[in-house]
Amino acid sequence: MQFSILTDYFGTYMEGFRGTILSSLLALAGSFLLGTLFAVFRISTVKALRWFGTGYVEFIRNIPLLLVVYIFYYGPSAFGSSLDGFTAGTIGLAVYTSAFIAEAIRAGISAIPKGQTEAARSSGLTYVQTMIHVVLPQAIKLVIPPLGNQFINLIKNSSVLTIVAGLDLMYYADIVSIDTFRTFDTYVFVALFYLVLTLPLSYCMRVWERRLQRKY
């Protein structure tokens, strides 16, 4: 192991590290919002919304992440437009992860007693208000462990951005590897950068889960 690679190319690694963090944060926010929306669609009493939500989730969950990224990277060219690798990769990552988050939240919604929904509706709340103020807050608390796992997977899956020159950690690691001809050493250090992100998040999710269990 040549630790000099890490010190000599620390700035290059950090450039990719910042790109991975930014992409992950944007994709996390987008996937959570999309996932929540499609979870509500999946249990909607409106048949068209329910079919649309189910079709979206099943389609996205059953194709590779790389294909989703390619759709957003190459697809706009068919309409005379284009997206850079970072944007296309981040959108693809958000869309892909949202399907799994939707399933987790849908399971949480299903675990909430129907009597709470009926009581909220009978008190004058609309369906949307019932979901926002009564059902979703409880459902999300129930599914914190699987949501945490999906967020950790999202960070690891962000490495797919390198395929479309997404300026992430893996993209810059490729540059270091080509420059130094030390492939193994280069990617071992990359693993350490990913651990800096995933291990604290995993710990925080466990602590949050324990606190919620004591509270409820």
C-alpha atoms as a PDB file:
ATOM      1  CA  MET A   1       0.000   0.000   0.000  1.00  0.00           C
ATOM      2  CA  GLN A   2       1.338   3.400  -0.998  1.00  0.00           C
ATOM      3  CA  PHE A   3      -0.204   5.874   1.432  1.00  0.00           C
ATOM      4  CA  SER A   4       1.498   8.637  -0.497  1.00  0.00           C
ATOM      5  CA  ILE A   5      -1.296   8.273  -3.070  1.00  0.00           C
ATOM      6  CA  LEU A   6      -3.800   9.478  -0.493  1.00  0.00           C
ATOM      7  CA  THR A   7      -1.677  12.424   0.557  1.00  0.00           C
ATOM      8  CA  ASP A   8      -0.526  13.407  -2.934  1.00  0.00           C
ATOM      9  CA  TYR A   9      -4.021  13.202  -4.419  1.00  0.00           C
ATOM     10  CA  PHE A  10      -6.025  14.216  -1.366  1.00  0.00           C
ATOM     11  CA  GLY A  11      -7.384  17.274  -3.147  1.00  0.00           C
ATOM     12  CA  THR A  12      -8.580  15.112  -6.045  1.00  0.00           C
ATOM     13  CA  TYR A  13     -10.247  12.666  -3.667  1.00  0.00           C
ATOM     14  CA  MET A  14     -11.932  15.525  -1.818  1.00  0.00           C
ATOM     15  CA  GLU A  15     -13.267  16.966  -5.065  1.00  0.00           C
ATOM     16  CA  GLY A  16     -14.990  13.656  -5.754  1.00  0.00           C
ATOM     17  CA  PHE A  17     -16.038  13.336  -2.120  1.00  0.00           C
ATOM     18  CA  ARG A  18     -17.848  16.672  -2.289  1.00  0.00           C
ATOM     19  CA  GLY A  19     -19.538  15.602  -5.509  1.00  0.00           C
ATOM     20  CA  THR A  20     -20.712  12.353  -3.931  1.00  0.00           C
ATOM     21  CA  ILE A  21     -22.060  14.174  -0.856  1.00  0.00           C
ATOM     22  CA  LEU A  22     -23.934  16.748  -2.952  1.00  0.00           C
ATOM     23  CA  SER A  23     -25.385  14.136  -5.294  1.00  0.00           C
ATOM     24  CA  SER A  24     -26.426  11.932  -2.370  1.00  0.00           C
ATOM     25  CA  LEU A  25     -28.118  14.779  -0.500  1.00  0.00           C
ATOM     26  CA  LEU A  26     -30.046  15.943  -3.558  1.00  0.00           C
ATOM     27  CA  ALA A  27     -31.043  12.396  -4.488  1.00  0.00           C
ATOM     28  CA  LEU A  28     -32.021  11.668  -0.890  1.00  0.00           C
ATOM     29  CA  ALA A  29     -34.383  14.636  -0.752  1.00  0.00           C
ATOM     30  CA  GLY A  30     -35.817  13.896  -4.174  1.00  0.00           C
ATOM     31  CA  SER A  31     -36.278  10.180  -3.550  1.00  0.00           C
ATOM     32  CA  PHE A  32     -37.993  10.783  -0.212  1.00  0.00           C
ATOM     33  CA  LEU A  33     -40.473  13.243  -1.715  1.00  0.00           C
ATOM     34  CA  LEU A  34     -41.155  11.037  -4.743  1.00  0.00           C
ATOM     35  CA  GLY A  35     -41.334   7.897  -2.620  1.00  0.00           C
ATOM     36  CA  THR A  36     -43.845   9.466  -0.236  1.00  0.00           C
ATOM     37  CA  LEU A  37     -45.970  10.701  -3.134  1.00  0.00           C
ATOM     38  CA  PHE A  38     -46.076   7.314  -4.861  1.00  0.00           C
ATOM     39  CA  ALA A  39     -46.717   5.512  -1.576  1.00  0.00           C
ATOM     40  CA  VAL A  40     -49.848   7.643  -1.182  1.00  0.00           C
ATOM     41  CA  PHE A  41     -50.762   6.927  -4.806  1.00  0.00           C
ATOM     42  CA  ARG A  42     -50.467   3.197  -4.169  1.00  0.00           C
ATOM     43  CA  ILE A  43     -53.059   3.223  -1.404  1.00  0.00           C
ATOM     44  CA  SER A  44     -55.287   5.895  -2.977  1.00  0.00           C
ATOM     45  CA  THR A  45     -59.004   5.245  -3.393  1.00  0.00           C
ATOM     46  CA  VAL A  46     -58.720   6.743  -6.890  1.00  0.00           C
ATOM     47  CA  LYS A  47     -58.139   3.772  -9.179  1.00  0.00           C
ATOM     48  CA  ALA A  48     -56.130   5.707 -11.782  1.00  0.00           C
ATOM     49  CA  LEU A  49     -53.699   7.011  -9.166  1.00  0.00           C
ATOM     50  CA  ARG A  50     -53.389   3.569  -7.608  1.00  0.00           C
ATOM     51  CA  TRP A  51     -52.582   1.978 -10.983  1.00  0.00           C
ATOM     52  CA  PHE A  52     -50.126   4.740 -11.838  1.00  0.00           C
ATOM     53  CA  GLY A  53     -48.343   4.410  -8.500  1.00  0.00           C
ATOM     54  CA  THR A  54     -48.161   0.631  -8.756  1.00  0.00           C
ATOM     55  CA  GLY A  55     -46.923   0.766 -12.342  1.00  0.00           C
ATOM     56  CA  TYR A  56     -44.202   3.280 -11.459  1.00  0.00           C
ATOM     57  CA  VAL A  57     -42.925   1.324  -8.468  1.00  0.00           C
ATOM     58  CA  GLU A  58     -42.947  -2.058 -10.203  1.00  0.00           C
ATOM     59  CA  PHE A  59     -41.279  -0.713 -13.344  1.00  0.00           C
ATOM     60  CA  ILE A  60     -38.463   1.118 -11.551  1.00  0.00           C
ATOM     61  CA  ARG A  61     -37.797  -1.649  -9.023  1.00  0.00           C
ATOM     62  CA  ASN A  62     -37.372  -4.254 -11.730  1.00  0.00           C
ATOM     63  CA  ILE A  63     -34.848  -2.533 -13.990  1.00  0.00           C
ATOM     64  CA  PRO A  64     -31.156  -1.839 -13.232  1.00  0.00           C
ATOM     65  CA  LEU A  65     -30.091   1.459 -11.700  1.00  0.00           C
ATOM     66  CA  LEU A  66     -27.626   1.980 -14.539  1.00  0.00           C
ATOM     67  CA  LEU A  67     -30.459   1.800 -17.067  1.00  0.00           C
ATOM     68  CA  VAL A  68     -32.422   4.459 -15.171  1.00  0.00           C
ATOM     69  CA  VAL A  69     -29.374   6.744 -15.224  1.00  0.00           C
ATOM     70  CA  TYR A  70     -28.897   6.115 -18.958  1.00  0.00           C
ATOM     71  CA  ILE A  71     -32.539   7.059 -19.587  1.00  0.00           C
ATOM     72  CA  PHE A  72     -31.952  10.495 -18.085  1.00  0.00           C
ATOM     73  CA  TYR A  73     -28.500  10.890 -19.613  1.00  0.00           C
ATOM     74  CA  TYR A  74     -29.273   9.854 -23.189  1.00  0.00           C
ATOM     75  CA  GLY A  75     -33.044  10.335 -23.266  1.00  0.00           C
ATOM     76  CA  PRO A  76     -33.152  14.159 -23.458  1.00  0.00           C
ATOM     77  CA  SER A  77     -31.070  14.076 -26.659  1.00  0.00           C
ATOM     78  CA  ALA A  78     -34.118  12.632 -28.432  1.00  0.00           C
ATOM     79  CA  PHE A  79     -35.867  15.956 -27.730  1.00  0.00           C
ATOM     80  CA  GLY A  80     -32.943  18.162 -28.695  1.00  0.00           C
ATOM     81  CA  SER A  81     -31.775  18.729 -25.118  1.00  0.00           C
ATOM     82  CA  SER A  82     -29.161  17.281 -22.805  1.00  0.00           C
ATOM     83  CA  LEU A  83     -28.242  16.815 -19.162  1.00  0.00           C
ATOM     84  CA  ASP A  84     -24.730  16.716 -17.767  1.00  0.00           C
ATOM     85  CA  GLY A  85     -23.571  13.542 -16.052  1.00  0.00           C
ATOM     86  CA  PHE A  86     -23.980  14.887 -12.533  1.00  0.00           C
ATOM     87  CA  THR A  87     -27.575  16.035 -13.105  1.00  0.00           C
ATOM     88  CA  ALA A  88     -28.642  12.926 -15.010  1.00  0.00           C
ATOM     89  CA  GLY A  89     -26.996  10.622 -12.475  1.00  0.00           C
ATOM     90  CA  THR A  90     -28.536  12.401  -9.494  1.00  0.00           C
ATOM     91  CA  ILE A  91     -32.027  12.370 -11.026  1.00  0.00           C
ATOM     92  CA  GLY A  92     -31.678   8.712 -11.964  1.00  0.00           C
ATOM     93  CA  LEU A  93     -30.492   7.864  -8.460  1.00  0.00           C
ATOM     94  CA  ALA A  94     -33.435   9.740  -6.910  1.00  0.00           C
ATOM     95  CA  VAL A  95     -35.990   8.084  -9.186  1.00  0.00           C
ATOM     96  CA  TYR A  96     -34.570   4.601  -8.643  1.00  0.00           C
ATOM     97  CA  THR A  97     -34.409   4.927  -4.854  1.00  0.00           C
ATOM     98  CA  SER A  98     -37.876   6.479  -4.664  1.00  0.00           C
ATOM     99  CA  ALA A  99     -39.485   3.213  -5.782  1.00  0.00           C
ATOM    100  CA  PHE A 100     -38.008   1.346  -2.813  1.00  0.00           C
ATOM    101  CA  ILE A 101     -38.840   4.151  -0.397  1.00  0.00           C
ATOM    102  CA  ALA A 102     -42.417   4.135  -1.698  1.00  0.00           C
ATOM    103  CA  GLU A 103     -42.751   0.459  -0.818  1.00  0.00           C
ATOM    104  CA  ALA A 104     -41.337   1.008   2.666  1.00  0.00           C
ATOM    105  CA  ILE A 105     -43.676   3.919   3.389  1.00  0.00           C
ATOM    106  CA  ARG A 106     -46.656   2.062   1.907  1.00  0.00           C
ATOM    107  CA  ALA A 107     -45.981  -0.768   4.360  1.00  0.00           C
ATOM    108  CA  GLY A 108     -45.890   1.766   7.187  1.00  0.00           C
ATOM    109  CA  ILE A 109     -49.179   3.313   6.068  1.00  0.00           C
ATOM    110  CA  SER A 110     -50.793  -0.132   5.941  1.00  0.00           C
ATOM    111  CA  ALA A 111     -49.736  -0.722   9.545  1.00  0.00           C
ATOM    112  CA  ILE A 112     -51.673   2.327  10.794  1.00  0.00           C
ATOM    113  CA  PRO A 113     -55.134   1.323  12.081  1.00  0.00           C
ATOM    114  CA  LYS A 114     -57.854   2.347   9.633  1.00  0.00           C
ATOM    115  CA  GLY A 115     -59.839   3.757  12.530  1.00  0.00           C
ATOM    116  CA  GLN A 116     -57.412   6.691  12.725  1.00  0.00           C
ATOM    117  CA  THR A 117     -58.046   7.595   9.112  1.00  0.00           C
ATOM    118  CA  GLU A 118     -61.796   7.289   9.576  1.00  0.00           C
ATOM    119  CA  ALA A 119     -61.695   9.412  12.732  1.00  0.00           C
ATOM    120  CA  ALA A 120     -59.663  12.103  10.975  1.00  0.00           C
ATOM    121  CA  ARG A 121     -62.022  12.181   8.005  1.00  0.00           C
ATOM    122  CA  SER A 122     -65.088  12.311  10.248  1.00  0.00           C
ATOM    123  CA  SER A 123     -63.606  15.295  12.094  1.00  0.00           C
ATOM    124  CA  GLY A 124     -63.594  17.256   8.845  1.00  0.00           C
ATOM    125  CA  LEU A 125     -60.091  16.696   7.502  1.00  0.00           C
ATOM    126  CA  THR A 126     -59.712  16.074   3.783  1.00  0.00           C
ATOM    127  CA  TYR A 127     -57.933  12.974   2.473  1.00  0.00           C
ATOM    128  CA  VAL A 128     -54.756  14.972   1.822  1.00  0.00           C
ATOM    129  CA  GLN A 129     -54.856  16.604   5.265  1.00  0.00           C
ATOM    130  CA  THR A 130     -55.410  13.214   6.879  1.00  0.00           C
ATOM    131  CA  MET A 131     -52.360  11.812   5.114  1.00  0.00           C
ATOM    132  CA  ILE A 132     -50.120  14.772   5.930  1.00  0.00           C
ATOM    133  CA  HIS A 133     -51.129  15.354   9.548  1.00  0.00           C
ATOM    134  CA  VAL A 134     -52.235  11.937  10.816  1.00  0.00           C
ATOM    135  CA  VAL A 135     -51.102   8.950   8.760  1.00  0.00           C
ATOM    136  CA  LEU A 136     -47.724   9.797   7.222  1.00  0.00           C
ATOM    137  CA  PRO A 137     -45.998  11.031  10.419  1.00  0.00           C
ATOM    138  CA  GLN A 138     -46.829   7.744  12.144  1.00  0.00           C
ATOM    139  CA  ALA A 139     -46.027   5.623   9.095  1.00  0.00           C
ATOM    140  CA  ILE A 140     -42.590   7.151   8.605  1.00  0.00           C
ATOM    141  CA  LYS A 141     -41.682   6.564  12.258  1.00  0.00           C
ATOM    142  CA  LEU A 142     -42.581   2.897  11.837  1.00  0.00           C
ATOM    143  CA  VAL A 143     -40.321   2.422   8.820  1.00  0.00           C
ATOM    144  CA  ILE A 144     -37.215   4.298   9.951  1.00  0.00           C
ATOM    145  CA  PRO A 145     -34.982   1.160   9.806  1.00  0.00           C
ATOM    146  CA  PRO A 146     -35.764   0.312   6.154  1.00  0.00           C
ATOM    147  CA  LEU A 147     -35.617   3.993   5.212  1.00  0.00           C
ATOM    148  CA  GLY A 148     -32.198   4.247   6.818  1.00  0.00           C
ATOM    149  CA  ASN A 149     -31.031   1.222   4.850  1.00  0.00           C
ATOM    150  CA  GLN A 150     -32.296   2.777   1.625  1.00  0.00           C
ATOM    151  CA  PHE A 151     -30.467   6.028   2.338  1.00  0.00           C
ATOM    152  CA  ILE A 152     -27.228   4.131   2.985  1.00  0.00           C
ATOM    153  CA  ASN A 153     -27.737   2.156  -0.228  1.00  0.00           C
ATOM    154  CA  LEU A 154     -28.310   5.439  -2.050  1.00  0.00           C
ATOM    155  CA  ILE A 155     -24.888   6.719  -0.982  1.00  0.00           C
ATOM    156  CA  LYS A 156     -23.214   3.536  -2.171  1.00  0.00           C
ATOM    157  CA  ASN A 157     -25.227   3.511  -5.397  1.00  0.00           C
ATOM    158  CA  SER A 158     -24.057   7.054  -6.145  1.00  0.00           C
ATOM    159  CA  SER A 159     -20.909   5.432  -7.550  1.00  0.00           C
ATOM    160  CA  VAL A 160     -22.947   4.827 -10.722  1.00  0.00           C
ATOM    161  CA  LEU A 161     -22.381   8.494 -11.596  1.00  0.00           C
ATOM    162  CA  THR A 162     -18.878   7.625 -12.728  1.00  0.00           C
ATOM    163  CA  ILE A 163     -20.356   5.819 -15.754  1.00  0.00           C
ATOM    164  CA  VAL A 164     -21.721   9.127 -17.077  1.00  0.00           C
ATOM    165  CA  ALA A 165     -18.790  11.279 -15.897  1.00  0.00           C
ATOM    166  CA  GLY A 166     -20.798  12.519 -12.931  1.00  0.00           C
ATOM    167  CA  LEU A 167     -17.817  14.051 -11.077  1.00  0.00           C
ATOM    168  CA  ASP A 168     -18.323  11.804  -8.063  1.00  0.00           C
ATOM    169  CA  LEU A 169     -15.779  10.021  -5.881  1.00  0.00           C
ATOM    170  CA  MET A 170     -15.396   7.060  -8.220  1.00  0.00           C
ATOM    171  CA  TYR A 171     -14.939   9.355 -11.217  1.00  0.00           C
ATOM    172  CA  TYR A 172     -12.003  11.120  -9.605  1.00  0.00           C
ATOM    173  CA  ALA A 173     -10.636   7.814  -8.323  1.00  0.00           C
ATOM    174  CA  ASP A 174     -10.454   6.635 -11.921  1.00  0.00           C
ATOM    175  CA  ILE A 175      -8.316   9.678 -12.689  1.00  0.00           C
ATOM    176  CA  VAL A 176      -6.002   8.890  -9.774  1.00  0.00           C
ATOM    177  CA  SER A 177      -5.774   5.243 -10.827  1.00  0.00           C
ATOM    178  CA  ILE A 178      -4.834   6.136 -14.403  1.00  0.00           C
ATOM    179  CA  ASP A 179      -2.283   8.674 -13.214  1.00  0.00           C
ATOM    180  CA  THR A 180      -0.566   6.428 -10.658  1.00  0.00           C
ATOM    181  CA  PHE A 181      -1.080   2.944 -12.147  1.00  0.00           C
ATOM    182  CA  ARG A 182      -1.884   1.819  -8.564  1.00  0.00           C
ATOM    183  CA  THR A 183      -5.442   0.591  -9.039  1.00  0.00           C
ATOM    184  CA  PHE A 184      -5.813  -1.468  -5.870  1.00  0.00           C
ATOM    185  CA  ASP A 185      -4.390   1.206  -3.569  1.00  0.00           C
ATOM    186  CA  THR A 186      -6.514   3.910  -5.182  1.00  0.00           C
ATOM    187  CA  TYR A 187      -9.795   2.115  -4.615  1.00  0.00           C
ATOM    188  CA  VAL A 188      -8.958   1.007  -1.091  1.00  0.00           C
ATOM    189  CA  PHE A 189      -8.730   4.682  -0.177  1.00  0.00           C
ATOM    190  CA  VAL A 190     -12.030   5.272  -1.978  1.00  0.00           C
ATOM    191  CA  ALA A 191     -13.615   2.676   0.314  1.00  0.00           C
ATOM    192  CA  LEU A 192     -12.454   4.686   3.333  1.00  0.00           C
ATOM    193  CA  PHE A 193     -14.189   7.804   2.016  1.00  0.00           C
ATOM    194  CA  TYR A 194     -17.447   5.897   1.572  1.00  0.00           C
ATOM    195  CA  LEU A 195     -17.150   4.516   5.100  1.00  0.00           C
ATOM    196  CA  VAL A 196     -16.800   8.061   6.419  1.00  0.00           C
ATOM    197  CA  LEU A 197     -20.295   8.681   5.030  1.00  0.00           C
ATOM    198  CA  THR A 198     -22.096   5.397   5.657  1.00  0.00           C
ATOM    199  CA  LEU A 199     -20.881   4.389   9.130  1.00  0.00           C
ATOM    200  CA  PRO A 200     -21.979   7.602  10.931  1.00  0.00           C
ATOM    201  CA  LEU A 201     -25.313   7.513   9.104  1.00  0.00           C
ATOM    202  CA  SER A 202     -25.836   3.891  10.120  1.00  0.00           C
ATOM    203  CA  TYR A 203     -25.016   4.752  13.744  1.00  0.00           C
ATOM    204  CA  CYS A 204     -27.348   7.780  13.755  1.00  0.00           C
ATOM    205  CA  MET A 205     -30.202   5.710  12.347  1.00  0.00           C
ATOM    206  CA  ARG A 206     -29.778   3.099  15.106  1.00  0.00           C
ATOM    207  CA  VAL A 207     -29.749   5.788  17.804  1.00  0.00           C
ATOM    208  CA  TRP A 208     -32.827   7.468  16.319  1.00  0.00           C
ATOM    209  CA  GLU A 209     -34.627   4.145  16.118  1.00  0.00           C
ATOM    210  CA  ARG A 210     -33.909   3.348  19.789  1.00  0.00           C
ATOM    211  CA  ARG A 211     -35.099   6.786  20.898  1.00  0.00           C
ATOM    212  CA  LEU A 212     -38.357   6.419  19.013  1.00  0.00           C
ATOM    213  CA  GLN A 213     -38.899   2.972  20.496  1.00  0.00           C
ATOM    214  CA  ARG A 214     -38.526   4.374  24.010  1.00  0.00           C
ATOM    215  CA  LYS A 215     -40.805   7.307  23.203  1.00  0.00           C
ATOM    216  CA  TYR A 216     -43.552   5.238  21.630  1.00  0.00           C
END
